[in-house]
């Protein structure tokens, strides 16, 4: 009888899942009627994100960015999961499409389209993201990101597991119409409980500058 109970408890972790890194997105979102809030601080900017699950496969996402001068950006998107294959209480492959619009300070609002995918296999998590944001400068509009997360503790989940520690590595890439690529690398540490999470990450920018980022998450 322990296996069904374990599966039920672990299913509560999947909306957070420990597989969404600091800077790029993942193919997870809240379940029906759930709210998922995030705050990320990076390079003098505060980014606040919120997602609400309409159904188990559809969610509305919004975000607002603030800097020292005030609001520096905002956006809203609808995310629809089109693929889900669960092979265990934790192991899964999920992929979603998303569409909406966003705005950055000093530019006209523009449409945003993307695809995100998350695969979890044991202690490993893999994310892929392709994003097109017409409201950004031409050399930043296309993003191709990938990440790997590894659960360093615990080795196995149980019904009594309060939370888990993960390492995070991200490859963050922007493509220009001329074929130039701006690539950043980020590495960090994430602790995730059943309803909240905290993270810290270092991001190496393409000009060899290192910036620190931190974040908090809450599922409610």
N, C-alpha and C. Protein backbone atom coordinates (compact mmCIF):
# COMPACT_ATOMS: atom_id res chain seq x y z
N UNK A 1 0.81 -1.22 0.00
CA UNK A 1 0.00 0.00 0.00
C UNK A 1 0.84 1.27 0.00
N UNK A 2 2.14 1.14 0.19
CA UNK A 2 2.98 2.33 0.26
C UNK A 2 3.17 2.98 -1.09
N UNK A 3 3.16 2.18 -2.16
CA UNK A 3 3.45 2.73 -3.48
C UNK A 3 2.39 3.75 -3.91
N UNK A 4 1.07 3.47 -3.80
CA UNK A 4 0.10 4.51 -4.19
C UNK A 4 0.24 5.78 -3.37
N UNK A 5 0.49 5.65 -2.06
CA UNK A 5 0.67 6.83 -1.24
C UNK A 5 1.90 7.62 -1.67
N UNK A 6 2.98 6.90 -1.97
CA UNK A 6 4.19 7.58 -2.42
C UNK A 6 3.95 8.32 -3.73
N UNK A 7 3.25 7.66 -4.65
CA UNK A 7 2.97 8.30 -5.93
C UNK A 7 2.13 9.55 -5.74
N UNK A 8 1.17 9.51 -4.81
CA UNK A 8 0.31 10.67 -4.57
C UNK A 8 1.11 11.83 -4.00
N UNK A 9 2.00 11.54 -3.05
CA UNK A 9 2.81 12.60 -2.45
C UNK A 9 3.76 13.20 -3.48
N UNK A 10 4.42 12.34 -4.25
CA UNK A 10 5.37 12.84 -5.23
C UNK A 10 4.69 13.63 -6.34
N UNK A 11 3.44 13.30 -6.64
CA UNK A 11 2.73 14.04 -7.67
C UNK A 11 2.52 15.49 -7.26
N UNK A 12 2.49 15.76 -5.95
CA UNK A 12 2.36 17.14 -5.49
C UNK A 12 3.62 17.94 -5.79
N UNK A 13 4.75 17.25 -5.91
CA UNK A 13 6.01 17.93 -6.17
C UNK A 13 6.18 18.29 -7.65
N UNK A 14 5.46 17.61 -8.53
CA UNK A 14 5.70 17.78 -9.95
C UNK A 14 5.42 19.19 -10.48
N UNK A 15 4.41 19.93 -9.97
CA UNK A 15 4.26 21.29 -10.49
C UNK A 15 5.53 22.13 -10.29
N UNK A 16 6.26 21.88 -9.20
CA UNK A 16 7.57 22.51 -9.02
C UNK A 16 8.64 21.62 -9.60
N UNK A 17 8.69 20.39 -9.15
CA UNK A 17 9.45 19.29 -9.73
C UNK A 17 10.97 19.41 -9.61
N UNK A 18 11.49 20.53 -9.14
CA UNK A 18 12.92 20.65 -9.05
C UNK A 18 13.61 20.70 -10.39
N UNK A 19 12.85 20.90 -11.46
CA UNK A 19 13.44 20.84 -12.79
C UNK A 19 13.34 22.16 -13.54
N UNK A 20 12.88 23.23 -12.89
CA UNK A 20 12.87 24.55 -13.52
C UNK A 20 14.04 25.36 -12.98
N UNK A 21 15.03 25.65 -13.81
CA UNK A 21 16.20 26.39 -13.33
C UNK A 21 15.92 27.87 -13.16
N UNK A 22 16.95 28.63 -12.80
CA UNK A 22 16.76 30.03 -12.44
C UNK A 22 16.37 30.90 -13.62
N UNK A 23 17.03 30.75 -14.76
CA UNK A 23 16.88 31.73 -15.83
C UNK A 23 16.00 31.27 -16.99
N UNK A 24 16.07 30.03 -17.39
CA UNK A 24 15.23 29.56 -18.49
C UNK A 24 13.96 28.93 -17.94
N UNK A 25 13.04 28.60 -18.84
CA UNK A 25 11.77 28.02 -18.44
C UNK A 25 11.77 26.51 -18.63
N UNK A 26 10.77 25.88 -18.04
CA UNK A 26 10.63 24.43 -18.12
C UNK A 26 9.22 24.08 -18.58
N UNK A 27 9.02 22.82 -18.90
CA UNK A 27 7.72 22.36 -19.40
C UNK A 27 6.76 21.96 -18.31
N UNK A 28 6.87 22.57 -17.13
CA UNK A 28 5.95 22.29 -16.03
C UNK A 28 5.14 23.54 -15.73
N UNK A 29 3.93 23.33 -15.22
CA UNK A 29 3.11 24.45 -14.77
C UNK A 29 2.11 23.94 -13.75
N UNK A 30 1.38 24.83 -13.07
CA UNK A 30 0.49 24.38 -11.99
C UNK A 30 -0.63 23.49 -12.50
N UNK A 31 -1.16 22.68 -11.58
CA UNK A 31 -2.34 21.90 -11.89
C UNK A 31 -3.59 22.75 -11.85
N UNK A 32 -4.72 22.13 -12.10
CA UNK A 32 -5.99 22.86 -12.15
C UNK A 32 -6.27 23.56 -10.83
N UNK A 33 -6.51 24.88 -10.90
CA UNK A 33 -6.84 25.65 -9.72
C UNK A 33 -5.67 26.03 -8.84
N UNK A 34 -4.44 25.70 -9.26
CA UNK A 34 -3.27 26.02 -8.46
C UNK A 34 -2.60 27.30 -8.95
N UNK A 35 -1.92 27.99 -8.01
CA UNK A 35 -1.14 29.18 -8.31
C UNK A 35 0.34 28.90 -8.04
N UNK A 36 1.18 29.42 -8.91
CA UNK A 36 2.63 29.25 -8.77
C UNK A 36 3.28 30.61 -8.95
N UNK A 37 3.92 31.12 -7.91
CA UNK A 37 4.54 32.44 -7.94
C UNK A 37 6.05 32.33 -7.80
N UNK A 38 6.76 33.21 -8.52
CA UNK A 38 8.22 33.24 -8.45
C UNK A 38 8.70 34.67 -8.38
N UNK A 39 9.80 34.87 -7.68
CA UNK A 39 10.50 36.15 -7.68
C UNK A 39 11.97 35.86 -7.93
N UNK A 40 12.57 36.53 -8.91
CA UNK A 40 13.98 36.33 -9.26
C UNK A 40 14.66 37.70 -9.26
N UNK A 41 15.80 37.78 -8.59
CA UNK A 41 16.58 39.02 -8.56
C UNK A 41 17.89 38.77 -9.29
N UNK A 42 18.16 39.61 -10.31
CA UNK A 42 19.37 39.42 -11.11
C UNK A 42 19.81 40.74 -11.73
N UNK A 43 21.06 41.09 -11.51
CA UNK A 43 21.71 42.21 -12.19
C UNK A 43 20.92 43.51 -12.05
N UNK A 44 20.47 43.82 -10.84
CA UNK A 44 19.77 45.07 -10.60
C UNK A 44 18.31 45.07 -11.00
N UNK A 45 17.78 43.92 -11.38
CA UNK A 45 16.39 43.83 -11.81
C UNK A 45 15.66 42.78 -10.98
N UNK A 46 14.39 43.05 -10.68
CA UNK A 46 13.52 42.11 -9.97
C UNK A 46 12.45 41.64 -10.94
N UNK A 47 12.31 40.33 -11.06
CA UNK A 47 11.33 39.76 -11.99
C UNK A 47 10.33 38.95 -11.19
N UNK A 48 9.06 39.30 -11.32
CA UNK A 48 8.00 38.61 -10.60
C UNK A 48 7.12 37.86 -11.60
N UNK A 49 6.97 36.57 -11.39
CA UNK A 49 6.21 35.72 -12.30
C UNK A 49 5.08 35.04 -11.55
N UNK A 50 3.97 34.84 -12.25
CA UNK A 50 2.85 34.13 -11.65
C UNK A 50 2.18 33.28 -12.72
N UNK A 51 1.78 32.08 -12.32
CA UNK A 51 1.08 31.17 -13.23
C UNK A 51 -0.15 30.61 -12.52
N UNK A 52 -1.23 30.51 -13.26
CA UNK A 52 -2.47 29.92 -12.73
C UNK A 52 -2.90 28.79 -13.65
N UNK A 53 -3.17 27.63 -13.07
CA UNK A 53 -3.58 26.49 -13.85
C UNK A 53 -5.08 26.45 -14.08
N UNK A 54 -5.50 26.61 -15.34
CA UNK A 54 -6.92 26.44 -15.67
C UNK A 54 -7.31 24.97 -15.61
N UNK A 55 -6.46 24.13 -16.20
CA UNK A 55 -6.65 22.69 -16.18
C UNK A 55 -5.29 22.06 -15.92
N UNK A 56 -5.23 20.73 -15.93
CA UNK A 56 -3.96 20.05 -15.74
C UNK A 56 -3.01 20.29 -16.90
N UNK A 57 -3.52 20.76 -18.04
CA UNK A 57 -2.70 20.94 -19.23
C UNK A 57 -2.64 22.38 -19.73
N UNK A 58 -3.35 23.28 -19.09
CA UNK A 58 -3.40 24.66 -19.60
C UNK A 58 -3.21 25.63 -18.45
N UNK A 59 -2.38 26.65 -18.66
CA UNK A 59 -2.11 27.64 -17.62
C UNK A 59 -1.91 29.02 -18.23
N UNK A 60 -2.22 30.04 -17.43
CA UNK A 60 -1.99 31.43 -17.80
C UNK A 60 -0.79 31.93 -17.04
N UNK A 61 0.18 32.54 -17.75
CA UNK A 61 1.41 33.03 -17.14
C UNK A 61 1.53 34.54 -17.34
N UNK A 62 1.95 35.22 -16.29
CA UNK A 62 2.20 36.65 -16.37
C UNK A 62 3.49 37.00 -15.64
N UNK A 63 4.13 38.09 -16.03
CA UNK A 63 5.35 38.51 -15.37
C UNK A 63 5.52 40.02 -15.47
N UNK A 64 6.20 40.59 -14.47
CA UNK A 64 6.51 42.01 -14.42
C UNK A 64 7.95 42.14 -13.99
N UNK A 65 8.72 43.02 -14.66
CA UNK A 65 10.11 43.28 -14.31
C UNK A 65 10.24 44.70 -13.78
N UNK A 66 11.03 44.86 -12.72
CA UNK A 66 11.24 46.16 -12.10
C UNK A 66 12.74 46.44 -11.99
N UNK A 67 13.13 47.69 -12.24
CA UNK A 67 14.49 48.12 -11.96
C UNK A 67 14.43 49.40 -11.12
N UNK A 68 15.53 50.08 -10.99
CA UNK A 68 15.58 51.26 -10.12
C UNK A 68 14.67 52.38 -10.61
N UNK A 69 14.32 52.37 -11.90
CA UNK A 69 13.48 53.43 -12.46
C UNK A 69 12.00 53.07 -12.44
N UNK A 70 11.67 51.84 -12.09
CA UNK A 70 10.27 51.42 -12.07
C UNK A 70 10.05 50.18 -12.91
N UNK A 71 8.88 50.09 -13.51
CA UNK A 71 8.54 48.92 -14.34
C UNK A 71 9.36 48.95 -15.62
N UNK A 72 10.09 47.88 -15.89
CA UNK A 72 10.95 47.81 -17.08
C UNK A 72 10.46 46.79 -18.10
N UNK A 73 9.40 46.05 -17.77
CA UNK A 73 8.87 45.08 -18.71
C UNK A 73 7.68 44.36 -18.12
N UNK A 74 6.87 43.74 -19.00
CA UNK A 74 5.71 42.98 -18.56
C UNK A 74 5.29 42.06 -19.69
N UNK A 75 4.57 41.00 -19.35
CA UNK A 75 4.12 40.07 -20.37
C UNK A 75 3.05 39.14 -19.86
N UNK A 76 2.32 38.53 -20.79
CA UNK A 76 1.29 37.55 -20.46
C UNK A 76 1.28 36.49 -21.55
N UNK A 77 1.12 35.23 -21.16
CA UNK A 77 1.13 34.13 -22.11
C UNK A 77 0.14 33.04 -21.69
N UNK A 78 -0.31 32.28 -22.66
CA UNK A 78 -1.10 31.08 -22.42
C UNK A 78 -0.24 29.88 -22.77
N UNK A 79 -0.13 28.94 -21.84
CA UNK A 79 0.68 27.74 -22.07
C UNK A 79 -0.21 26.51 -22.14
N UNK A 80 -0.01 25.70 -23.18
CA UNK A 80 -0.81 24.50 -23.40
C UNK A 80 0.11 23.29 -23.54
N UNK A 81 -0.06 22.31 -22.68
CA UNK A 81 0.73 21.09 -22.78
C UNK A 81 0.16 20.22 -23.89
N UNK A 82 1.02 19.79 -24.80
CA UNK A 82 0.58 18.93 -25.91
C UNK A 82 1.16 17.53 -25.82
N UNK A 83 2.09 17.32 -24.88
CA UNK A 83 2.69 16.00 -24.76
C UNK A 83 2.99 15.70 -23.30
N UNK A 84 2.61 14.50 -22.86
CA UNK A 84 2.96 14.06 -21.52
C UNK A 84 3.05 12.54 -21.51
N UNK A 85 4.21 12.07 -21.08
CA UNK A 85 4.40 10.63 -20.94
C UNK A 85 5.05 10.37 -19.59
N UNK A 86 4.28 9.81 -18.66
CA UNK A 86 4.77 9.49 -17.33
C UNK A 86 5.15 8.01 -17.28
N UNK A 87 6.37 7.75 -16.82
CA UNK A 87 6.86 6.37 -16.74
C UNK A 87 7.14 5.95 -15.31
N UNK A 88 6.75 6.77 -14.34
CA UNK A 88 6.94 6.46 -12.93
C UNK A 88 6.42 7.59 -12.09
N UNK A 89 6.47 7.46 -10.76
CA UNK A 89 5.99 8.55 -9.88
C UNK A 89 6.71 9.87 -10.14
N UNK A 90 7.95 9.83 -10.53
CA UNK A 90 8.73 11.04 -10.83
C UNK A 90 9.10 11.12 -12.30
N UNK A 91 9.48 10.02 -12.90
CA UNK A 91 9.95 10.04 -14.28
C UNK A 91 8.84 10.48 -15.23
N UNK A 92 9.15 11.46 -16.07
CA UNK A 92 8.14 11.99 -16.97
C UNK A 92 8.81 12.74 -18.11
N UNK A 93 8.06 12.93 -19.19
CA UNK A 93 8.46 13.81 -20.28
C UNK A 93 7.25 14.67 -20.61
N UNK A 94 7.40 16.00 -20.49
CA UNK A 94 6.31 16.92 -20.71
C UNK A 94 6.76 18.05 -21.62
N UNK A 95 5.88 18.42 -22.55
CA UNK A 95 6.21 19.50 -23.49
C UNK A 95 4.98 20.37 -23.70
N UNK A 96 5.22 21.69 -23.82
CA UNK A 96 4.13 22.66 -23.97
C UNK A 96 4.49 23.70 -25.01
N UNK A 97 3.45 24.25 -25.62
CA UNK A 97 3.59 25.44 -26.46
C UNK A 97 3.02 26.62 -25.69
N UNK A 98 3.52 27.81 -25.98
CA UNK A 98 3.02 28.99 -25.30
C UNK A 98 3.00 30.16 -26.27
N UNK A 99 2.01 31.04 -26.07
CA UNK A 99 1.86 32.19 -26.95
C UNK A 99 1.29 33.35 -26.15
N UNK A 100 1.73 34.55 -26.49
CA UNK A 100 1.24 35.74 -25.80
C UNK A 100 1.94 36.97 -26.33
N UNK A 101 2.13 37.95 -25.46
CA UNK A 101 2.78 39.20 -25.84
C UNK A 101 3.55 39.73 -24.64
N UNK A 102 4.63 40.47 -24.92
CA UNK A 102 5.35 41.13 -23.83
C UNK A 102 5.89 42.48 -24.29
N UNK A 103 6.36 43.23 -23.32
CA UNK A 103 6.81 44.60 -23.56
C UNK A 103 8.06 44.84 -22.74
N UNK A 104 9.02 45.52 -23.35
CA UNK A 104 10.22 45.97 -22.65
C UNK A 104 10.32 47.48 -22.75
N UNK A 105 10.81 48.11 -21.71
CA UNK A 105 10.89 49.56 -21.62
C UNK A 105 11.58 50.15 -22.85
N UNK A 106 10.95 51.13 -23.45
CA UNK A 106 11.52 51.80 -24.62
C UNK A 106 11.20 51.14 -25.94
N UNK A 107 10.41 50.06 -25.94
CA UNK A 107 10.08 49.37 -27.18
C UNK A 107 8.58 49.14 -27.25
N UNK A 108 8.08 48.93 -28.48
CA UNK A 108 6.66 48.61 -28.65
C UNK A 108 6.39 47.17 -28.19
N UNK A 109 5.19 46.89 -27.67
CA UNK A 109 4.85 45.50 -27.33
C UNK A 109 4.92 44.61 -28.56
N UNK A 110 5.23 43.34 -28.35
CA UNK A 110 5.32 42.40 -29.46
C UNK A 110 4.88 41.02 -29.05
N UNK A 111 4.53 40.18 -30.03
CA UNK A 111 4.11 38.81 -29.72
C UNK A 111 5.27 37.95 -29.24
N UNK A 112 4.93 36.92 -28.49
CA UNK A 112 5.92 35.97 -27.99
C UNK A 112 5.40 34.55 -28.21
N UNK A 113 6.21 33.71 -28.83
CA UNK A 113 5.86 32.32 -29.10
C UNK A 113 6.98 31.41 -28.63
N UNK A 114 6.65 30.22 -28.17
CA UNK A 114 7.71 29.34 -27.71
C UNK A 114 7.26 27.91 -27.47
N UNK A 115 8.27 27.06 -27.29
CA UNK A 115 8.07 25.65 -26.95
C UNK A 115 9.01 25.33 -25.80
N UNK A 116 8.51 24.60 -24.79
CA UNK A 116 9.33 24.19 -23.66
C UNK A 116 9.12 22.71 -23.40
N UNK A 117 10.18 22.06 -22.96
CA UNK A 117 10.13 20.62 -22.71
C UNK A 117 10.93 20.28 -21.46
N UNK A 118 10.40 19.37 -20.65
CA UNK A 118 11.08 18.88 -19.46
C UNK A 118 11.05 17.36 -19.44
N UNK A 119 12.21 16.78 -19.20
CA UNK A 119 12.32 15.33 -19.06
C UNK A 119 12.98 15.02 -17.72
N UNK A 120 12.37 14.15 -16.94
CA UNK A 120 12.91 13.73 -15.65
C UNK A 120 13.15 12.23 -15.70
N UNK A 121 14.40 11.84 -15.40
CA UNK A 121 14.77 10.44 -15.35
C UNK A 121 15.58 10.21 -14.09
N UNK A 122 14.95 9.61 -13.09
CA UNK A 122 15.65 9.38 -11.84
C UNK A 122 16.06 10.68 -11.19
N UNK A 123 17.35 10.84 -10.97
CA UNK A 123 17.86 12.04 -10.31
C UNK A 123 18.23 13.15 -11.29
N UNK A 124 18.01 12.90 -12.58
CA UNK A 124 18.39 13.86 -13.62
C UNK A 124 17.15 14.54 -14.20
N UNK A 125 17.29 15.83 -14.49
CA UNK A 125 16.26 16.58 -15.19
C UNK A 125 16.86 17.36 -16.34
N UNK A 126 16.17 17.37 -17.48
CA UNK A 126 16.67 18.04 -18.68
C UNK A 126 15.57 18.97 -19.22
N UNK A 127 15.95 20.19 -19.56
CA UNK A 127 15.00 21.16 -20.11
C UNK A 127 15.50 21.69 -21.44
N UNK A 128 14.57 21.94 -22.35
CA UNK A 128 14.84 22.60 -23.62
C UNK A 128 13.81 23.70 -23.82
N UNK A 129 14.25 24.83 -24.38
CA UNK A 129 13.35 25.95 -24.62
C UNK A 129 13.74 26.66 -25.91
N UNK A 130 12.75 26.89 -26.75
CA UNK A 130 12.90 27.73 -27.94
C UNK A 130 11.90 28.86 -27.83
N UNK A 131 12.36 30.11 -27.98
CA UNK A 131 11.51 31.26 -27.71
C UNK A 131 11.73 32.33 -28.77
N UNK A 132 10.63 32.94 -29.25
CA UNK A 132 10.69 34.06 -30.18
C UNK A 132 9.93 35.23 -29.57
N UNK A 133 10.63 36.34 -29.35
CA UNK A 133 10.04 37.52 -28.72
C UNK A 133 10.25 38.72 -29.64
N UNK A 134 9.21 39.11 -30.35
CA UNK A 134 9.32 40.18 -31.34
C UNK A 134 9.53 41.54 -30.70
N UNK A 135 9.22 41.70 -29.41
CA UNK A 135 9.36 42.98 -28.75
C UNK A 135 10.76 43.30 -28.27
N UNK A 136 11.71 42.39 -28.46
CA UNK A 136 13.09 42.61 -28.04
C UNK A 136 13.94 43.13 -29.21
N UNK A 137 15.14 43.64 -28.95
CA UNK A 137 16.04 44.00 -30.05
C UNK A 137 16.29 42.81 -30.97
N UNK A 138 16.62 43.07 -32.22
CA UNK A 138 16.74 42.01 -33.22
C UNK A 138 17.73 40.93 -32.82
N UNK A 139 18.82 41.30 -32.14
CA UNK A 139 19.83 40.32 -31.79
C UNK A 139 19.50 39.54 -30.51
N UNK A 140 18.31 39.78 -29.93
CA UNK A 140 17.90 39.07 -28.72
C UNK A 140 16.57 38.35 -28.89
N UNK A 141 15.99 38.39 -30.07
CA UNK A 141 14.62 37.90 -30.24
C UNK A 141 14.51 36.38 -30.19
N UNK A 142 15.51 35.68 -30.66
CA UNK A 142 15.44 34.21 -30.71
C UNK A 142 16.31 33.63 -29.60
N UNK A 143 15.70 32.82 -28.75
CA UNK A 143 16.42 32.18 -27.65
C UNK A 143 16.34 30.67 -27.80
N UNK A 144 17.48 30.01 -27.62
CA UNK A 144 17.57 28.55 -27.58
C UNK A 144 18.33 28.18 -26.31
N UNK A 145 17.61 27.61 -25.36
CA UNK A 145 18.18 27.34 -24.04
C UNK A 145 18.09 25.85 -23.70
N UNK A 146 19.02 25.42 -22.87
CA UNK A 146 19.02 24.03 -22.40
C UNK A 146 19.57 24.01 -20.98
N UNK A 147 19.16 23.03 -20.20
CA UNK A 147 19.66 22.93 -18.82
C UNK A 147 19.63 21.49 -18.34
N UNK A 148 20.45 21.24 -17.32
CA UNK A 148 20.50 19.95 -16.64
C UNK A 148 20.46 20.19 -15.15
N UNK A 149 19.58 19.49 -14.46
CA UNK A 149 19.50 19.54 -13.01
C UNK A 149 19.74 18.15 -12.45
N UNK A 150 20.42 18.10 -11.32
CA UNK A 150 20.74 16.82 -10.70
C UNK A 150 20.37 16.86 -9.23
N UNK A 151 19.60 15.88 -8.79
CA UNK A 151 19.18 15.82 -7.39
C UNK A 151 20.31 15.21 -6.57
N UNK A 152 20.96 16.06 -5.77
CA UNK A 152 22.08 15.57 -4.98
C UNK A 152 21.63 14.97 -3.66
N UNK A 153 20.44 15.36 -3.18
CA UNK A 153 19.90 14.78 -1.95
C UNK A 153 18.39 15.02 -1.91
N UNK A 154 17.60 13.99 -1.59
CA UNK A 154 17.98 12.63 -1.23
C UNK A 154 18.22 11.76 -2.47
N UNK A 155 18.82 10.62 -2.24
CA UNK A 155 19.01 9.68 -3.34
C UNK A 155 17.66 9.17 -3.83
N UNK A 156 16.75 8.90 -2.90
CA UNK A 156 15.40 8.44 -3.22
C UNK A 156 14.39 9.22 -2.39
N UNK A 157 13.24 9.49 -2.99
CA UNK A 157 12.14 10.12 -2.27
C UNK A 157 11.38 9.09 -1.45
N UNK A 158 10.86 9.52 -0.31
CA UNK A 158 9.93 8.73 0.48
C UNK A 158 8.76 9.63 0.87
N UNK A 159 7.75 9.07 1.52
CA UNK A 159 6.60 9.87 1.94
C UNK A 159 7.00 10.88 3.01
N UNK A 160 8.14 10.68 3.66
CA UNK A 160 8.59 11.59 4.72
C UNK A 160 9.61 12.61 4.22
N UNK A 161 9.95 12.61 2.95
CA UNK A 161 10.95 13.54 2.43
C UNK A 161 10.42 14.97 2.49
N UNK A 162 11.07 15.87 3.24
CA UNK A 162 10.57 17.25 3.33
C UNK A 162 10.92 18.11 2.12
N UNK A 163 12.02 17.78 1.45
CA UNK A 163 12.46 18.57 0.31
C UNK A 163 13.69 17.95 -0.31
N UNK A 164 14.23 18.60 -1.34
CA UNK A 164 15.36 18.04 -2.07
C UNK A 164 16.29 19.14 -2.53
N UNK A 165 17.59 18.79 -2.67
CA UNK A 165 18.63 19.69 -3.17
C UNK A 165 19.00 19.32 -4.60
N UNK A 166 19.17 20.33 -5.44
CA UNK A 166 19.52 20.11 -6.84
C UNK A 166 20.67 21.03 -7.24
N UNK A 167 21.53 20.55 -8.10
CA UNK A 167 22.46 21.41 -8.82
C UNK A 167 21.83 21.79 -10.15
N UNK A 168 22.19 22.97 -10.66
CA UNK A 168 21.62 23.47 -11.92
C UNK A 168 22.73 23.98 -12.83
N UNK A 169 22.68 23.60 -14.09
CA UNK A 169 23.57 24.14 -15.12
C UNK A 169 22.71 24.53 -16.31
N UNK A 170 22.89 25.77 -16.79
CA UNK A 170 22.08 26.28 -17.90
C UNK A 170 22.96 26.80 -19.02
N UNK A 171 22.56 26.53 -20.25
CA UNK A 171 23.16 27.13 -21.44
C UNK A 171 22.11 28.05 -22.05
N UNK A 172 22.39 29.37 -22.02
CA UNK A 172 21.42 30.39 -22.42
C UNK A 172 21.95 31.11 -23.65
N UNK A 173 21.22 31.00 -24.76
CA UNK A 173 21.75 31.45 -26.04
C UNK A 173 20.76 32.35 -26.77
N UNK A 174 21.27 33.47 -27.30
CA UNK A 174 20.48 34.39 -28.12
C UNK A 174 21.06 34.42 -29.52
N UNK A 175 20.19 34.28 -30.53
CA UNK A 175 20.61 34.23 -31.92
C UNK A 175 20.18 35.50 -32.64
N UNK A 176 21.10 36.11 -33.40
CA UNK A 176 20.77 37.29 -34.19
C UNK A 176 20.45 36.87 -35.63
N UNK A 177 19.75 37.72 -36.40
CA UNK A 177 19.47 37.39 -37.80
C UNK A 177 20.73 37.18 -38.63
N UNK A 178 21.86 37.73 -38.19
CA UNK A 178 23.11 37.58 -38.93
C UNK A 178 23.82 36.26 -38.61
N UNK A 179 23.24 35.49 -37.71
CA UNK A 179 23.84 34.22 -37.35
C UNK A 179 24.76 34.28 -36.15
N UNK A 180 24.94 35.45 -35.57
CA UNK A 180 25.76 35.57 -34.37
C UNK A 180 25.03 34.98 -33.17
N UNK A 181 25.80 34.41 -32.26
CA UNK A 181 25.23 33.78 -31.08
C UNK A 181 25.83 34.40 -29.83
N UNK A 182 24.98 34.83 -28.92
CA UNK A 182 25.43 35.26 -27.60
C UNK A 182 25.10 34.14 -26.63
N UNK A 183 26.13 33.55 -26.04
CA UNK A 183 25.92 32.42 -25.15
C UNK A 183 26.36 32.71 -23.73
N UNK A 184 25.46 32.51 -22.77
CA UNK A 184 25.77 32.64 -21.36
C UNK A 184 25.69 31.26 -20.70
N UNK A 185 26.45 31.08 -19.64
CA UNK A 185 26.42 29.85 -18.86
C UNK A 185 26.07 30.20 -17.43
N UNK A 186 25.17 29.42 -16.83
CA UNK A 186 24.77 29.65 -15.44
C UNK A 186 24.86 28.34 -14.68
N UNK A 187 25.24 28.45 -13.41
CA UNK A 187 25.32 27.29 -12.53
C UNK A 187 24.83 27.69 -11.15
N UNK A 188 24.04 26.81 -10.52
CA UNK A 188 23.49 27.19 -9.23
C UNK A 188 23.04 26.02 -8.40
N UNK A 189 22.38 26.37 -7.30
CA UNK A 189 21.91 25.39 -6.32
C UNK A 189 20.46 25.72 -5.99
N UNK A 190 19.63 24.69 -5.93
CA UNK A 190 18.20 24.84 -5.67
C UNK A 190 17.78 23.92 -4.53
N UNK A 191 17.03 24.47 -3.57
CA UNK A 191 16.37 23.64 -2.56
C UNK A 191 14.86 23.76 -2.77
N UNK A 192 14.20 22.63 -2.85
CA UNK A 192 12.77 22.65 -3.11
C UNK A 192 12.03 21.81 -2.10
N UNK A 193 11.13 22.44 -1.36
CA UNK A 193 10.22 21.75 -0.47
C UNK A 193 8.93 21.45 -1.24
N UNK A 194 7.90 20.99 -0.54
CA UNK A 194 6.69 20.59 -1.25
C UNK A 194 5.89 21.78 -1.76
N UNK A 195 5.98 22.93 -1.09
CA UNK A 195 5.19 24.08 -1.51
C UNK A 195 6.02 25.34 -1.73
N UNK A 196 7.32 25.29 -1.51
CA UNK A 196 8.15 26.46 -1.73
C UNK A 196 9.55 26.02 -2.14
N UNK A 197 10.32 26.95 -2.66
CA UNK A 197 11.68 26.66 -3.10
C UNK A 197 12.51 27.92 -3.03
N UNK A 198 13.82 27.75 -2.91
CA UNK A 198 14.78 28.87 -2.91
C UNK A 198 15.98 28.47 -3.76
N UNK A 199 16.58 29.44 -4.43
CA UNK A 199 17.67 29.14 -5.36
C UNK A 199 18.68 30.27 -5.39
N UNK A 200 19.89 29.93 -5.80
CA UNK A 200 20.94 30.91 -6.05
C UNK A 200 21.75 30.42 -7.24
N UNK A 201 22.18 31.35 -8.09
CA UNK A 201 22.87 30.95 -9.31
C UNK A 201 23.86 32.03 -9.73
N UNK A 202 24.95 31.61 -10.35
CA UNK A 202 25.93 32.51 -10.95
C UNK A 202 25.82 32.40 -12.47
N UNK A 203 25.82 33.55 -13.13
CA UNK A 203 25.69 33.57 -14.59
C UNK A 203 26.91 34.23 -15.20
N UNK A 204 27.60 33.49 -16.07
CA UNK A 204 28.76 34.00 -16.78
C UNK A 204 28.28 34.59 -18.10
N UNK A 205 28.35 35.90 -18.23
CA UNK A 205 27.91 36.57 -19.45
C UNK A 205 28.97 36.44 -20.53
N UNK A 206 28.56 36.66 -21.77
CA UNK A 206 29.49 36.42 -22.88
C UNK A 206 30.68 37.36 -22.88
N UNK A 207 30.59 38.48 -22.13
CA UNK A 207 31.74 39.38 -22.04
C UNK A 207 32.61 39.05 -20.83
N UNK A 208 32.50 37.83 -20.34
CA UNK A 208 33.32 37.32 -19.23
C UNK A 208 33.02 38.03 -17.92
N UNK A 209 31.81 38.50 -17.77
CA UNK A 209 31.36 39.11 -16.52
C UNK A 209 30.47 38.12 -15.78
N UNK A 210 30.64 38.03 -14.48
CA UNK A 210 29.85 37.11 -13.67
C UNK A 210 28.85 37.90 -12.84
N UNK A 211 27.59 37.47 -12.86
CA UNK A 211 26.54 38.10 -12.08
C UNK A 211 25.83 37.02 -11.26
N UNK A 212 25.40 37.40 -10.06
CA UNK A 212 24.68 36.46 -9.19
C UNK A 212 23.18 36.70 -9.29
N UNK A 213 22.43 35.61 -9.22
CA UNK A 213 20.97 35.68 -9.20
C UNK A 213 20.43 34.83 -8.08
N UNK A 214 19.26 35.19 -7.58
CA UNK A 214 18.61 34.44 -6.50
C UNK A 214 17.11 34.47 -6.74
N UNK A 215 16.42 33.49 -6.15
CA UNK A 215 14.98 33.44 -6.36
C UNK A 215 14.24 32.70 -5.27
N UNK A 216 12.95 32.97 -5.19
CA UNK A 216 12.02 32.28 -4.30
C UNK A 216 10.83 31.82 -5.10
N UNK A 217 10.23 30.68 -4.73
CA UNK A 217 9.07 30.14 -5.41
C UNK A 217 8.04 29.68 -4.39
N UNK A 218 6.77 29.75 -4.79
CA UNK A 218 5.71 29.31 -3.90
C UNK A 218 4.57 28.71 -4.73
N UNK A 219 4.10 27.55 -4.32
CA UNK A 219 2.94 26.90 -4.91
C UNK A 219 1.79 27.00 -3.92
N UNK A 220 0.66 27.54 -4.36
CA UNK A 220 -0.44 27.71 -3.43
C UNK A 220 -1.79 27.62 -4.14
